[in-house]
Amino acid sequence: MYRRERQDEVELEKSVRRLREKFYGKVSITDAVILMRTFHNNHDLVCKYITLDIKETEGVEPEDGEKLSGDPIALKVVNKLKKEEEQNKQDAKGKDDKKIKEVAKQLMPLTKENLQMFNNAQNNRIPPATRQFSCQPCDQMWWRQVPERKQVSRCRRCGARYDPVPYNKMWGTAEFKCLSCGHTFRGSAQMGTPSPCFQCHTPVLPSCILPPRKSPGPRGRQQHSCFAEDCYNRSEPHIPGTHCVHPRSRMKNHLPKVICPSEVHDSTGSTVATCISQGSLACSDIDDLILEDLIEQDEENDSEGSN
């Protein structure tokens, strides 16, 4: 019995968070819970209903409050999300209080941003961004698919919330394109640090860092090599004072896994995007989905089926 109630609570909370994120947090928690209960967690249908009406729900009617009075699971989700929202507001109090009040009083004018918001909601899209995060105290690095407008992720070991690693400091499997011979190749590197082309040995800067994939494909035949002073397979002329990012070199030289630590996130009081479920590039259980897995529904099913 408890397990079923817990499952019901988790599904309701996920649906409420998704609905509120689609409308940038402008639908109140209570209204969102009532709508999800009324429409059996079908946030797609509710989104279509809201976009067709093109108006924001304002407050809770007396009869709406009565709908929740006999629903302990719905009340539990309302209280939990309201507590989180209030906590984040307290954390942010004094930082940008005037701006928060201005945003809270805004309605939904037909701006370009709101038009895009309606289009995304109608098409069941929460624009994602795949970003790299790291926690220096735990010496952990991970990738997350996070909401594009609020890129925050939580370390699973210590629970601290972090901003993503800056694009120009990212590291991992890099993609290169040699301007001398046109050869395209991949290898371990950090943005801004050159590696030798496997064909002509010309130093080449990485064009981007690639997130891990479920099917990485066949491994390359070439052994890693770079110009870092401590690379286990160093190319010459090496660059003094630089460190190789390849895991083998890091382990050999007793260096931490984290190359560039993420900055601790400074909360602005926006709970929806910060706590919306985030898409991990690793597998999670159903409770983790709420806070750590923003993933489209079909991707969720694929991930669960592959475990």
C-alpha atoms as a PDB file:
ATOM      1  CA  MET A   1       0.000   0.000   0.000  1.00  0.00           C
ATOM      2  CA  TYR A   2       2.785   2.421   0.958  1.00  0.00           C
ATOM      3  CA  ARG A   3       4.707   1.602  -2.205  1.00  0.00           C
ATOM      4  CA  ARG A   4       1.688   2.403  -4.375  1.00  0.00           C
ATOM      5  CA  GLU A   5       1.096   5.706  -2.577  1.00  0.00           C
ATOM      6  CA  ARG A   6       4.775   6.569  -2.938  1.00  0.00           C
ATOM      7  CA  GLN A   7       4.648   5.810  -6.660  1.00  0.00           C
ATOM      8  CA  ASP A   8       1.530   7.973  -7.006  1.00  0.00           C
ATOM      9  CA  GLU A   9       3.230  10.812  -5.155  1.00  0.00           C
ATOM     10  CA  VAL A  10       6.358  10.605  -7.329  1.00  0.00           C
ATOM     11  CA  GLU A  11       4.371  10.599 -10.582  1.00  0.00           C
ATOM     12  CA  LEU A  12       2.261  13.552  -9.408  1.00  0.00           C
ATOM     13  CA  GLU A  13       5.328  15.546  -8.393  1.00  0.00           C
ATOM     14  CA  LYS A  14       7.065  14.841 -11.709  1.00  0.00           C
ATOM     15  CA  SER A  15       4.000  15.979 -13.663  1.00  0.00           C
ATOM     16  CA  VAL A  16       3.606  19.146 -11.581  1.00  0.00           C
ATOM     17  CA  ARG A  17       7.267  20.070 -12.050  1.00  0.00           C
ATOM     18  CA  ARG A  18       7.079  19.473 -15.791  1.00  0.00           C
ATOM     19  CA  LEU A  19       3.928  21.586 -16.155  1.00  0.00           C
ATOM     20  CA  ARG A  20       5.399  24.487 -14.170  1.00  0.00           C
ATOM     21  CA  GLU A  21       8.678  24.369 -16.098  1.00  0.00           C
ATOM     22  CA  LYS A  22       6.842  24.499 -19.428  1.00  0.00           C
ATOM     23  CA  PHE A  23       5.234  27.767 -18.310  1.00  0.00           C
ATOM     24  CA  TYR A  24       8.401  29.115 -16.637  1.00  0.00           C
ATOM     25  CA  GLY A  25       6.941  28.739 -13.137  1.00  0.00           C
ATOM     26  CA  LYS A  26       4.016  31.081 -13.810  1.00  0.00           C
ATOM     27  CA  VAL A  27       1.412  28.453 -12.894  1.00  0.00           C
ATOM     28  CA  SER A  28       1.076  28.258  -9.106  1.00  0.00           C
ATOM     29  CA  ILE A  29       1.899  25.020  -7.288  1.00  0.00           C
ATOM     30  CA  THR A  30      -1.651  24.560  -6.012  1.00  0.00           C
ATOM     31  CA  ASP A  31      -3.198  25.179  -9.433  1.00  0.00           C
ATOM     32  CA  ALA A  32      -0.721  22.791 -11.039  1.00  0.00           C
ATOM     33  CA  VAL A  33      -1.517  20.021  -8.537  1.00  0.00           C
ATOM     34  CA  ILE A  34      -5.272  20.489  -9.005  1.00  0.00           C
ATOM     35  CA  LEU A  35      -4.911  20.307 -12.794  1.00  0.00           C
ATOM     36  CA  MET A  36      -2.713  17.220 -12.624  1.00  0.00           C
ATOM     37  CA  ARG A  37      -5.170  15.481 -10.300  1.00  0.00           C
ATOM     38  CA  THR A  38      -8.101  16.458 -12.523  1.00  0.00           C
ATOM     39  CA  PHE A  39      -6.397  15.288 -15.713  1.00  0.00           C
ATOM     40  CA  HIS A  40      -4.643  12.229 -14.217  1.00  0.00           C
ATOM     41  CA  ASN A  41      -1.079  13.638 -14.559  1.00  0.00           C
ATOM     42  CA  ASN A  42      -1.581  14.304 -18.288  1.00  0.00           C
ATOM     43  CA  HIS A  43       0.522  17.466 -18.468  1.00  0.00           C
ATOM     44  CA  ASP A  44       0.414  17.391 -22.289  1.00  0.00           C
ATOM     45  CA  LEU A  45      -3.375  17.786 -22.280  1.00  0.00           C
ATOM     46  CA  VAL A  46      -3.211  20.504 -19.625  1.00  0.00           C
ATOM     47  CA  CYS A  47      -0.623  22.412 -21.691  1.00  0.00           C
ATOM     48  CA  LYS A  48      -2.926  22.335 -24.705  1.00  0.00           C
ATOM     49  CA  TYR A  49      -5.810  23.526 -22.532  1.00  0.00           C
ATOM     50  CA  ILE A  50      -3.779  26.448 -21.167  1.00  0.00           C
ATOM     51  CA  THR A  51      -2.363  27.498 -24.550  1.00  0.00           C
ATOM     52  CA  LEU A  52      -5.821  27.425 -26.120  1.00  0.00           C
ATOM     53  CA  ASP A  53      -7.226  29.632 -23.366  1.00  0.00           C
ATOM     54  CA  ILE A  54      -4.092  31.864 -23.441  1.00  0.00           C
ATOM     55  CA  LYS A  55      -4.503  33.019 -19.895  1.00  0.00           C
ATOM     56  CA  GLU A  56      -2.711  32.360 -16.641  1.00  0.00           C
ATOM     57  CA  THR A  57      -4.554  30.673 -13.775  1.00  0.00           C
ATOM     58  CA  GLU A  58      -4.838  33.207 -10.969  1.00  0.00           C
ATOM     59  CA  GLY A  59      -5.317  31.981  -7.432  1.00  0.00           C
ATOM     60  CA  VAL A  60      -7.396  29.072  -6.178  1.00  0.00           C
ATOM     61  CA  GLU A  61     -11.184  29.242  -6.178  1.00  0.00           C
ATOM     62  CA  PRO A  62     -12.910  28.019  -2.971  1.00  0.00           C
ATOM     63  CA  GLU A  63     -14.248  24.942  -4.752  1.00  0.00           C
ATOM     64  CA  ASP A  64     -10.713  24.168  -5.967  1.00  0.00           C
ATOM     65  CA  GLY A  65      -9.443  24.166  -2.405  1.00  0.00           C
ATOM     66  CA  GLU A  66     -12.152  21.714  -1.455  1.00  0.00           C
ATOM     67  CA  LYS A  67     -10.939  19.362  -4.208  1.00  0.00           C
ATOM     68  CA  LEU A  68      -7.657  18.921  -2.340  1.00  0.00           C
ATOM     69  CA  SER A  69      -9.008  18.710   1.197  1.00  0.00           C
ATOM     70  CA  GLY A  70      -9.711  14.978   0.913  1.00  0.00           C
ATOM     71  CA  ASP A  71      -6.624  14.137  -1.139  1.00  0.00           C
ATOM     72  CA  PRO A  72      -3.654  13.539   1.230  1.00  0.00           C
ATOM     73  CA  ILE A  73      -1.197  12.721  -1.584  1.00  0.00           C
ATOM     74  CA  ALA A  74      -2.013  15.928  -3.474  1.00  0.00           C
ATOM     75  CA  LEU A  75      -1.753  17.962  -0.260  1.00  0.00           C
ATOM     76  CA  LYS A  76       1.613  16.354   0.505  1.00  0.00           C
ATOM     77  CA  VAL A  77       2.991  17.351  -2.911  1.00  0.00           C
ATOM     78  CA  VAL A  78       1.593  20.892  -2.561  1.00  0.00           C
ATOM     79  CA  ASN A  79       3.203  21.319   0.872  1.00  0.00           C
ATOM     80  CA  LYS A  80       6.530  19.864  -0.271  1.00  0.00           C
ATOM     81  CA  LEU A  81       6.832  22.069  -3.364  1.00  0.00           C
ATOM     82  CA  LYS A  82       5.648  25.170  -1.506  1.00  0.00           C
ATOM     83  CA  LYS A  83       8.225  24.513   1.202  1.00  0.00           C
ATOM     84  CA  GLU A  84      10.976  24.233  -1.426  1.00  0.00           C
ATOM     85  CA  GLU A  85       9.807  27.440  -3.097  1.00  0.00           C
ATOM     86  CA  GLU A  86       9.702  29.311   0.209  1.00  0.00           C
ATOM     87  CA  GLN A  87      13.157  28.007   1.169  1.00  0.00           C
ATOM     88  CA  ASN A  88      14.662  29.238  -2.092  1.00  0.00           C
ATOM     89  CA  LYS A  89      12.984  32.612  -1.619  1.00  0.00           C
ATOM     90  CA  GLN A  90      14.506  32.851   1.872  1.00  0.00           C
ATOM     91  CA  ASP A  91      17.935  31.920   0.494  1.00  0.00           C
ATOM     92  CA  ALA A  92      17.662  34.647  -2.122  1.00  0.00           C
ATOM     93  CA  LYS A  93      16.158  37.294   0.174  1.00  0.00           C
ATOM     94  CA  GLY A  94      18.136  40.507   0.085  1.00  0.00           C
ATOM     95  CA  LYS A  95      20.024  39.590  -3.108  1.00  0.00           C
ATOM     96  CA  ASP A  96      17.510  40.750  -5.678  1.00  0.00           C
ATOM     97  CA  ASP A  97      14.296  41.207  -3.728  1.00  0.00           C
ATOM     98  CA  LYS A  98      12.995  44.077  -5.849  1.00  0.00           C
ATOM     99  CA  LYS A  99      13.433  42.164  -9.080  1.00  0.00           C
ATOM    100  CA  ILE A 100      11.760  39.066  -7.641  1.00  0.00           C
ATOM    101  CA  LYS A 101       8.702  41.130  -6.707  1.00  0.00           C
ATOM    102  CA  GLU A 102       8.563  42.657 -10.188  1.00  0.00           C
ATOM    103  CA  VAL A 103       8.694  39.251 -11.837  1.00  0.00           C
ATOM    104  CA  ALA A 104       6.063  37.880  -9.460  1.00  0.00           C
ATOM    105  CA  LYS A 105       3.637  40.640 -10.516  1.00  0.00           C
ATOM    106  CA  GLN A 106       4.124  40.108 -14.230  1.00  0.00           C
ATOM    107  CA  LEU A 107       1.317  38.605 -16.209  1.00  0.00           C
ATOM    108  CA  MET A 108       1.826  36.947 -19.565  1.00  0.00           C
ATOM    109  CA  PRO A 109       2.203  39.641 -22.262  1.00  0.00           C
ATOM    110  CA  LEU A 110       2.465  38.410 -25.832  1.00  0.00           C
ATOM    111  CA  THR A 111       6.232  38.852 -26.063  1.00  0.00           C
ATOM    112  CA  LYS A 112       8.592  36.879 -28.274  1.00  0.00           C
ATOM    113  CA  GLU A 113       9.754  34.901 -25.218  1.00  0.00           C
ATOM    114  CA  ASN A 114       6.222  34.045 -24.115  1.00  0.00           C
ATOM    115  CA  LEU A 115       5.249  33.102 -27.659  1.00  0.00           C
ATOM    116  CA  GLN A 116       8.172  30.673 -27.713  1.00  0.00           C
ATOM    117  CA  MET A 117       7.121  29.423 -24.276  1.00  0.00           C
ATOM    118  CA  PHE A 118       3.612  28.649 -25.549  1.00  0.00           C
ATOM    119  CA  ASN A 119       4.991  26.930 -28.653  1.00  0.00           C
ATOM    120  CA  ASN A 120       7.332  24.765 -26.570  1.00  0.00           C
ATOM    121  CA  ALA A 121       4.568  23.889 -24.109  1.00  0.00           C
ATOM    122  CA  GLN A 122       2.136  23.014 -26.883  1.00  0.00           C
ATOM    123  CA  ASN A 123       4.733  20.713 -28.466  1.00  0.00           C
ATOM    124  CA  ASN A 124       5.681  19.183 -25.088  1.00  0.00           C
ATOM    125  CA  ARG A 125       9.214  20.584 -25.222  1.00  0.00           C
ATOM    126  CA  ILE A 126      11.413  21.822 -22.397  1.00  0.00           C
ATOM    127  CA  PRO A 127      14.481  23.198 -24.248  1.00  0.00           C
ATOM    128  CA  PRO A 128      17.481  21.247 -22.909  1.00  0.00           C
ATOM    129  CA  ALA A 129      21.223  21.808 -22.855  1.00  0.00           C
ATOM    130  CA  THR A 130      23.801  19.073 -22.285  1.00  0.00           C
ATOM    131  CA  ARG A 131      26.457  20.431 -19.926  1.00  0.00           C
ATOM    132  CA  GLN A 132      29.469  19.241 -17.979  1.00  0.00           C
ATOM    133  CA  PHE A 133      29.573  19.649 -14.185  1.00  0.00           C
ATOM    134  CA  SER A 134      32.211  18.868 -11.579  1.00  0.00           C
ATOM    135  CA  CYS A 135      32.555  18.782  -7.793  1.00  0.00           C
ATOM    136  CA  GLN A 136      36.074  19.444  -6.523  1.00  0.00           C
ATOM    137  CA  PRO A 137      35.529  18.243  -2.907  1.00  0.00           C
ATOM    138  CA  CYS A 138      34.166  14.883  -4.165  1.00  0.00           C
ATOM    139  CA  ASP A 139      36.544  14.801  -7.172  1.00  0.00           C
ATOM    140  CA  GLN A 140      33.647  13.890  -9.457  1.00  0.00           C
ATOM    141  CA  MET A 141      32.737  14.942 -13.001  1.00  0.00           C
ATOM    142  CA  TRP A 142      29.385  14.270 -14.703  1.00  0.00           C
ATOM    143  CA  TRP A 143      27.230  15.356 -17.622  1.00  0.00           C
ATOM    144  CA  ARG A 144      23.589  16.397 -17.324  1.00  0.00           C
ATOM    145  CA  GLN A 145      20.831  17.407 -19.690  1.00  0.00           C
ATOM    146  CA  VAL A 146      19.432  20.477 -17.937  1.00  0.00           C
ATOM    147  CA  PRO A 147      16.812  23.132 -18.783  1.00  0.00           C
ATOM    148  CA  GLU A 148      18.418  25.614 -21.155  1.00  0.00           C
ATOM    149  CA  ARG A 149      17.284  28.663 -19.189  1.00  0.00           C
ATOM    150  CA  LYS A 150      18.529  27.421 -15.799  1.00  0.00           C
ATOM    151  CA  GLN A 151      21.628  25.254 -15.962  1.00  0.00           C
ATOM    152  CA  VAL A 152      22.186  23.792 -12.501  1.00  0.00           C
ATOM    153  CA  SER A 153      23.027  20.284 -11.315  1.00  0.00           C
ATOM    154  CA  ARG A 154      23.403  18.611  -7.949  1.00  0.00           C
ATOM    155  CA  CYS A 155      26.358  16.426  -6.929  1.00  0.00           C
ATOM    156  CA  ARG A 156      24.984  13.033  -5.963  1.00  0.00           C
ATOM    157  CA  ARG A 157      27.635  12.508  -3.302  1.00  0.00           C
ATOM    158  CA  CYS A 158      27.511  15.727  -1.287  1.00  0.00           C
ATOM    159  CA  GLY A 159      24.264  17.284  -2.565  1.00  0.00           C
ATOM    160  CA  ALA A 160      25.864  20.639  -3.442  1.00  0.00           C
ATOM    161  CA  ARG A 161      24.389  22.479  -6.431  1.00  0.00           C
ATOM    162  CA  TYR A 162      26.728  23.675  -9.166  1.00  0.00           C
ATOM    163  CA  ASP A 163      26.826  25.821 -12.281  1.00  0.00           C
ATOM    164  CA  PRO A 164      28.225  24.101 -15.399  1.00  0.00           C
ATOM    165  CA  VAL A 165      31.908  24.073 -16.304  1.00  0.00           C
ATOM    166  CA  PRO A 166      32.553  27.064 -18.639  1.00  0.00           C
ATOM    167  CA  TYR A 167      32.699  26.095 -22.311  1.00  0.00           C
ATOM    168  CA  ASN A 168      36.303  27.260 -22.638  1.00  0.00           C
ATOM    169  CA  LYS A 169      37.379  25.081 -19.677  1.00  0.00           C
ATOM    170  CA  MET A 170      35.579  21.830 -20.533  1.00  0.00           C
ATOM    171  CA  TRP A 171      37.611  18.640 -20.875  1.00  0.00           C
ATOM    172  CA  GLY A 172      37.146  15.033 -21.930  1.00  0.00           C
ATOM    173  CA  THR A 173      36.790  13.455 -25.373  1.00  0.00           C
ATOM    174  CA  ALA A 174      37.495  16.293 -27.789  1.00  0.00           C
ATOM    175  CA  GLU A 175      36.901  16.594 -31.508  1.00  0.00           C
ATOM    176  CA  PHE A 176      39.660  18.045 -33.690  1.00  0.00           C
ATOM    177  CA  LYS A 177      39.886  19.174 -37.316  1.00  0.00           C
ATOM    178  CA  CYS A 178      43.375  19.771 -38.660  1.00  0.00           C
ATOM    179  CA  LEU A 179      43.532  22.887 -40.834  1.00  0.00           C
ATOM    180  CA  SER A 180      46.767  21.698 -42.448  1.00  0.00           C
ATOM    181  CA  CYS A 181      45.721  18.300 -43.821  1.00  0.00           C
ATOM    182  CA  GLY A 182      41.951  18.287 -43.191  1.00  0.00           C
ATOM    183  CA  HIS A 183      42.088  15.209 -40.951  1.00  0.00           C
ATOM    184  CA  THR A 184      39.305  14.923 -38.334  1.00  0.00           C
ATOM    185  CA  PHE A 185      40.044  12.977 -35.172  1.00  0.00           C
ATOM    186  CA  ARG A 186      39.129  12.600 -31.500  1.00  0.00           C
ATOM    187  CA  GLY A 187      41.164  12.378 -28.330  1.00  0.00           C
ATOM    188  CA  SER A 188      41.357  13.386 -24.664  1.00  0.00           C
ATOM    189  CA  ALA A 189      41.923  17.118 -24.260  1.00  0.00           C
ATOM    190  CA  GLN A 190      40.817  20.351 -22.628  1.00  0.00           C
ATOM    191  CA  MET A 191      39.492  23.313 -24.581  1.00  0.00           C
ATOM    192  CA  GLY A 192      42.304  25.678 -25.509  1.00  0.00           C
ATOM    193  CA  THR A 193      45.018  23.001 -25.246  1.00  0.00           C
ATOM    194  CA  PRO A 194      46.487  21.747 -28.565  1.00  0.00           C
ATOM    195  CA  SER A 195      47.116  18.120 -29.498  1.00  0.00           C
ATOM    196  CA  PRO A 196      49.151  16.790 -32.445  1.00  0.00           C
ATOM    197  CA  CYS A 197      47.340  15.690 -35.595  1.00  0.00           C
ATOM    198  CA  PHE A 198      47.734  11.925 -35.967  1.00  0.00           C
ATOM    199  CA  GLN A 199      48.595  12.345 -39.652  1.00  0.00           C
ATOM    200  CA  CYS A 200      50.779  15.453 -40.033  1.00  0.00           C
ATOM    201  CA  HIS A 201      51.695  16.129 -36.368  1.00  0.00           C
ATOM    202  CA  THR A 202      50.550  19.764 -36.621  1.00  0.00           C
ATOM    203  CA  PRO A 203      49.267  21.190 -33.293  1.00  0.00           C
ATOM    204  CA  VAL A 204      45.456  21.374 -33.436  1.00  0.00           C
ATOM    205  CA  LEU A 205      43.090  23.021 -30.953  1.00  0.00           C
ATOM    206  CA  PRO A 206      39.905  21.105 -30.038  1.00  0.00           C
ATOM    207  CA  SER A 207      36.702  22.399 -31.620  1.00  0.00           C
ATOM    208  CA  CYS A 208      34.424  20.982 -28.908  1.00  0.00           C
ATOM    209  CA  ILE A 209      34.161  18.485 -26.045  1.00  0.00           C
ATOM    210  CA  LEU A 210      31.768  15.599 -26.690  1.00  0.00           C
ATOM    211  CA  PRO A 211      29.405  14.265 -23.995  1.00  0.00           C
ATOM    212  CA  PRO A 212      29.476  10.490 -23.431  1.00  0.00           C
ATOM    213  CA  ARG A 213      27.222   8.379 -25.627  1.00  0.00           C
ATOM    214  CA  LYS A 214      25.390   5.138 -24.925  1.00  0.00           C
ATOM    215  CA  SER A 215      27.067   3.558 -27.967  1.00  0.00           C
ATOM    216  CA  PRO A 216      30.540   5.109 -28.258  1.00  0.00           C
ATOM    217  CA  GLY A 217      31.425   2.978 -31.286  1.00  0.00           C
ATOM    218  CA  PRO A 218      34.752   1.288 -32.010  1.00  0.00           C
ATOM    219  CA  ARG A 219      37.867   2.619 -30.299  1.00  0.00           C
ATOM    220  CA  GLY A 220      40.438   4.389 -32.447  1.00  0.00           C
ATOM    221  CA  ARG A 221      43.694   2.673 -33.268  1.00  0.00           C
ATOM    222  CA  GLN A 222      45.862   5.657 -32.397  1.00  0.00           C
ATOM    223  CA  GLN A 223      47.326   5.923 -28.905  1.00  0.00           C
ATOM    224  CA  HIS A 224      46.711   9.169 -27.042  1.00  0.00           C
ATOM    225  CA  SER A 225      49.445  11.778 -27.297  1.00  0.00           C
ATOM    226  CA  CYS A 226      49.601  15.475 -26.469  1.00  0.00           C
ATOM    227  CA  PHE A 227      52.078  18.270 -25.740  1.00  0.00           C
ATOM    228  CA  ALA A 228      51.468  18.311 -21.963  1.00  0.00           C
ATOM    229  CA  GLU A 229      54.609  17.996 -19.872  1.00  0.00           C
ATOM    230  CA  ASP A 230      53.301  15.030 -17.865  1.00  0.00           C
ATOM    231  CA  CYS A 231      51.559  13.093 -20.683  1.00  0.00           C
ATOM    232  CA  TYR A 232      52.305   9.361 -20.520  1.00  0.00           C
ATOM    233  CA  ASN A 233      52.923   9.445 -24.296  1.00  0.00           C
ATOM    234  CA  ARG A 234      54.281  12.971 -24.667  1.00  0.00           C
ATOM    235  CA  SER A 235      54.732  14.671 -28.036  1.00  0.00           C
ATOM    236  CA  GLU A 236      57.565  17.098 -28.644  1.00  0.00           C
ATOM    237  CA  PRO A 237      58.091  19.956 -28.334  1.00  0.00           C
ATOM    238  CA  HIS A 238      56.170  19.723 -25.074  1.00  0.00           C
ATOM    239  CA  ILE A 239      54.647  22.701 -23.240  1.00  0.00           C
ATOM    240  CA  PRO A 240      56.240  23.144 -19.776  1.00  0.00           C
ATOM    241  CA  GLY A 241      53.872  23.400 -16.813  1.00  0.00           C
ATOM    242  CA  THR A 242      50.878  21.834 -18.573  1.00  0.00           C
ATOM    243  CA  HIS A 243      48.978  18.741 -17.444  1.00  0.00           C
ATOM    244  CA  CYS A 244      47.552  15.934 -19.546  1.00  0.00           C
ATOM    245  CA  VAL A 245      43.815  15.293 -19.061  1.00  0.00           C
ATOM    246  CA  HIS A 246      43.892  11.653 -20.159  1.00  0.00           C
ATOM    247  CA  PRO A 247      42.747   9.385 -17.270  1.00  0.00           C
ATOM    248  CA  ARG A 248      45.888   7.248 -17.611  1.00  0.00           C
ATOM    249  CA  SER A 249      48.156  10.275 -17.155  1.00  0.00           C
ATOM    250  CA  ARG A 250      46.085  11.619 -14.259  1.00  0.00           C
ATOM    251  CA  MET A 251      46.283   8.281 -12.461  1.00  0.00           C
ATOM    252  CA  LYS A 252      49.992   7.854 -13.162  1.00  0.00           C
ATOM    253  CA  ASN A 253      50.788  11.333 -11.820  1.00  0.00           C
ATOM    254  CA  HIS A 254      48.420  11.012  -8.811  1.00  0.00           C
ATOM    255  CA  LEU A 255      46.356  13.996  -9.943  1.00  0.00           C
ATOM    256  CA  PRO A 256      42.631  14.530  -9.222  1.00  0.00           C
ATOM    257  CA  LYS A 257      40.003  13.666 -11.822  1.00  0.00           C
ATOM    258  CA  VAL A 258      38.552  17.189 -11.797  1.00  0.00           C
ATOM    259  CA  ILE A 259      40.456  19.539 -14.109  1.00  0.00           C
ATOM    260  CA  CYS A 260      38.234  22.610 -13.725  1.00  0.00           C
ATOM    261  CA  PRO A 261      35.839  22.716 -10.740  1.00  0.00           C
ATOM    262  CA  SER A 262      32.307  24.041 -11.205  1.00  0.00           C
ATOM    263  CA  GLU A 263      31.279  27.162  -9.315  1.00  0.00           C
ATOM    264  CA  VAL A 264      28.793  26.605  -6.497  1.00  0.00           C
ATOM    265  CA  HIS A 265      25.373  27.768  -7.698  1.00  0.00           C
ATOM    266  CA  ASP A 266      24.156  31.060  -6.232  1.00  0.00           C
ATOM    267  CA  SER A 267      20.397  30.578  -5.891  1.00  0.00           C
ATOM    268  CA  THR A 268      18.153  33.345  -7.226  1.00  0.00           C
ATOM    269  CA  GLY A 269      14.962  31.840  -5.821  1.00  0.00           C
ATOM    270  CA  SER A 270      13.792  30.177  -9.045  1.00  0.00           C
ATOM    271  CA  THR A 271      12.792  26.711  -7.865  1.00  0.00           C
ATOM    272  CA  VAL A 272      11.192  25.299 -10.988  1.00  0.00           C
ATOM    273  CA  ALA A 273      14.253  25.119 -13.200  1.00  0.00           C
ATOM    274  CA  THR A 274      16.677  24.441 -10.374  1.00  0.00           C
ATOM    275  CA  CYS A 275      14.727  21.473  -9.078  1.00  0.00           C
ATOM    276  CA  ILE A 276      13.147  20.286 -12.319  1.00  0.00           C
ATOM    277  CA  SER A 277      14.134  16.710 -13.019  1.00  0.00           C
ATOM    278  CA  GLN A 278      17.408  16.572 -14.889  1.00  0.00           C
ATOM    279  CA  GLY A 279      18.527  14.203 -17.588  1.00  0.00           C
ATOM    280  CA  SER A 280      21.534  12.277 -16.484  1.00  0.00           C
ATOM    281  CA  LEU A 281      23.697  10.467 -18.973  1.00  0.00           C
ATOM    282  CA  ALA A 282      23.749   7.644 -16.435  1.00  0.00           C
ATOM    283  CA  CYS A 283      20.839   5.550 -15.131  1.00  0.00           C
ATOM    284  CA  SER A 284      18.782   6.556 -12.078  1.00  0.00           C
ATOM    285  CA  ASP A 285      15.988   5.125 -10.003  1.00  0.00           C
ATOM    286  CA  ILE A 286      12.510   6.637 -10.061  1.00  0.00           C
ATOM    287  CA  ASP A 287      13.023   8.932  -7.055  1.00  0.00           C
ATOM    288  CA  ASP A 288      16.187  10.390  -8.611  1.00  0.00           C
ATOM    289  CA  LEU A 289      14.205  11.202 -11.752  1.00  0.00           C
ATOM    290  CA  ILE A 290      12.435  14.012  -9.912  1.00  0.00           C
ATOM    291  CA  LEU A 291      15.546  16.029  -9.094  1.00  0.00           C
ATOM    292  CA  GLU A 292      18.185  14.601 -11.387  1.00  0.00           C
ATOM    293  CA  ASP A 293      16.676  13.396 -14.678  1.00  0.00           C
ATOM    294  CA  LEU A 294      15.061  15.837 -17.112  1.00  0.00           C
ATOM    295  CA  ILE A 295      14.567  13.466 -20.002  1.00  0.00           C
ATOM    296  CA  GLU A 296      11.876  13.218 -22.641  1.00  0.00           C
ATOM    297  CA  GLN A 297       9.355  10.463 -21.946  1.00  0.00           C
ATOM    298  CA  ASP A 298      10.576   8.191 -24.730  1.00  0.00           C
ATOM    299  CA  GLU A 299      14.168   8.528 -23.545  1.00  0.00           C
ATOM    300  CA  GLU A 300      13.072   7.620 -20.004  1.00  0.00           C
ATOM    301  CA  ASN A 301      11.515   4.424 -21.295  1.00  0.00           C
ATOM    302  CA  ASP A 302      14.622   3.584 -23.337  1.00  0.00           C
ATOM    303  CA  SER A 303      16.850   4.139 -20.315  1.00  0.00           C
ATOM    304  CA  GLU A 304      14.708   1.970 -18.042  1.00  0.00           C
ATOM    305  CA  GLY A 305      14.559  -0.756 -20.669  1.00  0.00           C
ATOM    306  CA  SER A 306      18.330  -0.869 -21.025  1.00  0.00           C
ATOM    307  CA  ASN A 307      19.032  -1.495 -17.322  1.00  0.00           C
END
